[in-house]
C-alpha cells in the first residue's frame, strides 16, 4: 500500500528515497541515491524496473507530463520494448513513436541475444 503522507512535489527537503524504493538502488550506498542529485537515474530506473508501488510513487511525485517528456526526450532508449508498450498505454504516448523505438530496440544485437524474440512488434 502506498503511504498517504508522501509529498505531492519532490523538493530539496525530500532527500532520501522512501524505503519501498531501496531495492531498486541496491548498487548505491544507503542515502546516496537522493532525489535532487540523481533524479534522472531514479526516474529511469523506476520507469524500467519499478513495480506497482514504485511506479505509483513516480507518477505521484513526478507527474505524467514530465514522465512523457523524459521518455520522449530519450526516444525510449534504455527501455525494454515491453516497458515501452506499458508506458505507451499508461501515458498515451504516440504509437508511431513507440513503434519506432521498439523496432530500434529489437534490432539491437544485445537485445536479440538476450531476449531471442520474447517481445514482438505490433
Protein backbone atom coordinates (compact mmCIF):
# COMPACT_ATOMS: atom_id res chain seq x y z
CA UNK A 1 0.00 0.00 0.00
CA UNK A 2 1.23 3.49 -0.82
CA UNK A 3 1.61 5.70 2.25
CA UNK A 4 -0.69 8.73 2.24
CA UNK A 5 1.97 11.04 3.65
CA UNK A 6 4.09 11.19 0.52
CA UNK A 7 4.77 14.71 -0.65
CA UNK A 8 2.91 15.99 -3.68
CA UNK A 9 6.07 17.59 -5.02
CA UNK A 10 9.62 16.35 -4.52
CA UNK A 11 11.86 19.02 -3.07
CA UNK A 12 15.32 19.52 -1.63
CA UNK A 13 13.82 18.50 1.71
CA UNK A 14 12.67 15.21 0.19
CA UNK A 15 16.26 13.95 0.07
CA UNK A 16 16.46 10.21 0.63
CA UNK A 17 14.09 7.93 -1.18
CA UNK A 18 11.32 6.10 0.64
CA UNK A 19 12.23 2.66 1.97
CA UNK A 20 9.97 0.94 -0.57
CA UNK A 21 12.31 2.12 -3.36
CA UNK A 22 15.58 0.99 -1.78
CA UNK A 23 15.57 -2.40 -3.54
CA UNK A 24 15.81 -0.64 -6.91
CA UNK A 25 19.01 1.12 -5.84
CA UNK A 26 21.00 -1.58 -4.07
CA UNK A 27 24.02 -0.58 -6.16
CA UNK A 28 24.08 2.74 -4.26
CA UNK A 29 25.14 3.18 -0.67
CA UNK A 30 22.17 3.97 1.52
CA UNK A 31 21.38 7.65 1.25
CA UNK A 32 23.40 8.22 -1.94
CA UNK A 33 20.50 7.87 -4.37
CA UNK A 34 18.84 11.11 -3.35
CA UNK A 35 16.10 12.90 -5.21
CA UNK A 36 17.69 16.13 -6.31
CA UNK A 37 21.14 14.74 -7.15
CA UNK A 38 20.21 11.58 -9.04
CA UNK A 39 16.74 12.48 -10.29
CA UNK A 40 17.31 11.23 -13.88
CA UNK A 41 18.76 7.92 -12.69
CA UNK A 42 15.86 7.44 -10.29
CA UNK A 43 13.24 8.20 -12.93
CA UNK A 44 14.85 5.88 -15.50
CA UNK A 45 15.33 3.02 -13.06
CA UNK A 46 11.73 3.17 -11.86
CA UNK A 47 10.34 3.54 -15.39
CA UNK A 48 12.24 0.43 -16.45
CA UNK A 49 12.24 -1.76 -13.32
CA UNK A 50 9.63 -0.40 -10.93
CA UNK A 51 6.76 -2.48 -9.61
CA UNK A 52 3.28 -1.12 -8.94
CA UNK A 53 4.13 0.84 -5.78
CA UNK A 54 7.33 2.27 -7.25
CA UNK A 55 5.57 3.33 -10.45
CA UNK A 56 2.74 4.88 -8.47
CA UNK A 57 5.27 6.78 -6.34
CA UNK A 58 6.93 8.01 -9.52
CA UNK A 59 3.66 9.19 -11.02
CA UNK A 60 2.63 10.97 -7.83
CA UNK A 61 5.98 12.69 -7.36
CA UNK A 62 6.99 13.45 -10.94
CA UNK A 63 3.73 13.56 -12.84
CA UNK A 64 2.70 12.05 -16.13
CA UNK A 65 3.66 15.11 -18.20
CA UNK A 66 7.26 15.04 -17.02
CA UNK A 67 7.44 11.25 -17.46
CA UNK A 68 6.14 11.64 -21.02
CA UNK A 69 8.81 14.30 -21.70
CA UNK A 70 11.51 12.16 -20.10
CA UNK A 71 10.73 9.12 -22.25
CA UNK A 72 10.29 11.08 -25.49
CA UNK A 73 13.43 13.12 -24.76
CA UNK A 74 15.38 9.85 -24.66
CA UNK A 75 13.48 8.39 -27.62
CA UNK A 76 12.76 5.39 -25.43
CA UNK A 77 16.47 4.49 -25.19
CA UNK A 78 17.40 2.16 -22.37
CA UNK A 79 13.90 0.75 -22.02
CA UNK A 80 12.74 -2.77 -22.77
CA UNK A 81 10.08 -2.92 -25.53
CA UNK A 82 7.57 -4.41 -23.08
CA UNK A 83 8.03 -1.45 -20.72
CA UNK A 84 7.80 0.96 -23.64
CA UNK A 85 4.43 -0.57 -24.53
CA UNK A 86 3.30 -0.28 -20.91
CA UNK A 87 4.23 3.40 -20.79
CA UNK A 88 2.68 3.96 -24.22
CA UNK A 89 -0.66 2.81 -22.82
CA UNK A 90 -0.24 4.49 -19.44
CA UNK A 91 0.95 7.88 -20.68
CA UNK A 92 -0.82 7.87 -24.05
CA UNK A 93 2.46 8.07 -25.97
CA UNK A 94 2.07 8.29 -29.76
CA UNK A 95 2.00 4.81 -31.31
CA UNK A 96 4.21 5.77 -34.25
CA UNK A 97 6.98 6.93 -31.90
CA UNK A 98 6.80 3.88 -29.66
CA UNK A 99 6.64 1.55 -32.68
CA UNK A 100 9.87 3.09 -33.97
CA UNK A 101 11.58 2.85 -30.56
CA UNK A 102 10.55 -0.79 -30.15
CA UNK A 103 11.84 -1.61 -33.63
CA UNK A 104 15.20 0.03 -32.85
CA UNK A 105 15.45 -1.80 -29.52
CA UNK A 106 14.64 -5.13 -31.12
CA UNK A 107 17.30 -4.65 -33.82
CA UNK A 108 19.94 -4.09 -31.17
CA UNK A 109 22.25 -7.13 -31.19
CA UNK A 110 22.38 -7.28 -27.39
CA UNK A 111 18.59 -7.27 -27.14
CA UNK A 112 18.32 -10.03 -29.75
CA UNK A 113 20.94 -12.09 -27.96
CA UNK A 114 19.36 -11.80 -24.52
CA UNK A 115 15.66 -11.86 -25.42
CA UNK A 116 15.51 -14.03 -28.53
CA UNK A 117 12.19 -12.76 -29.86
CA UNK A 118 10.46 -12.53 -26.49
CA UNK A 119 8.57 -9.34 -27.44
CA UNK A 120 7.02 -8.84 -30.83
CA UNK A 121 6.39 -5.53 -32.54
CA UNK A 122 2.74 -4.71 -33.17
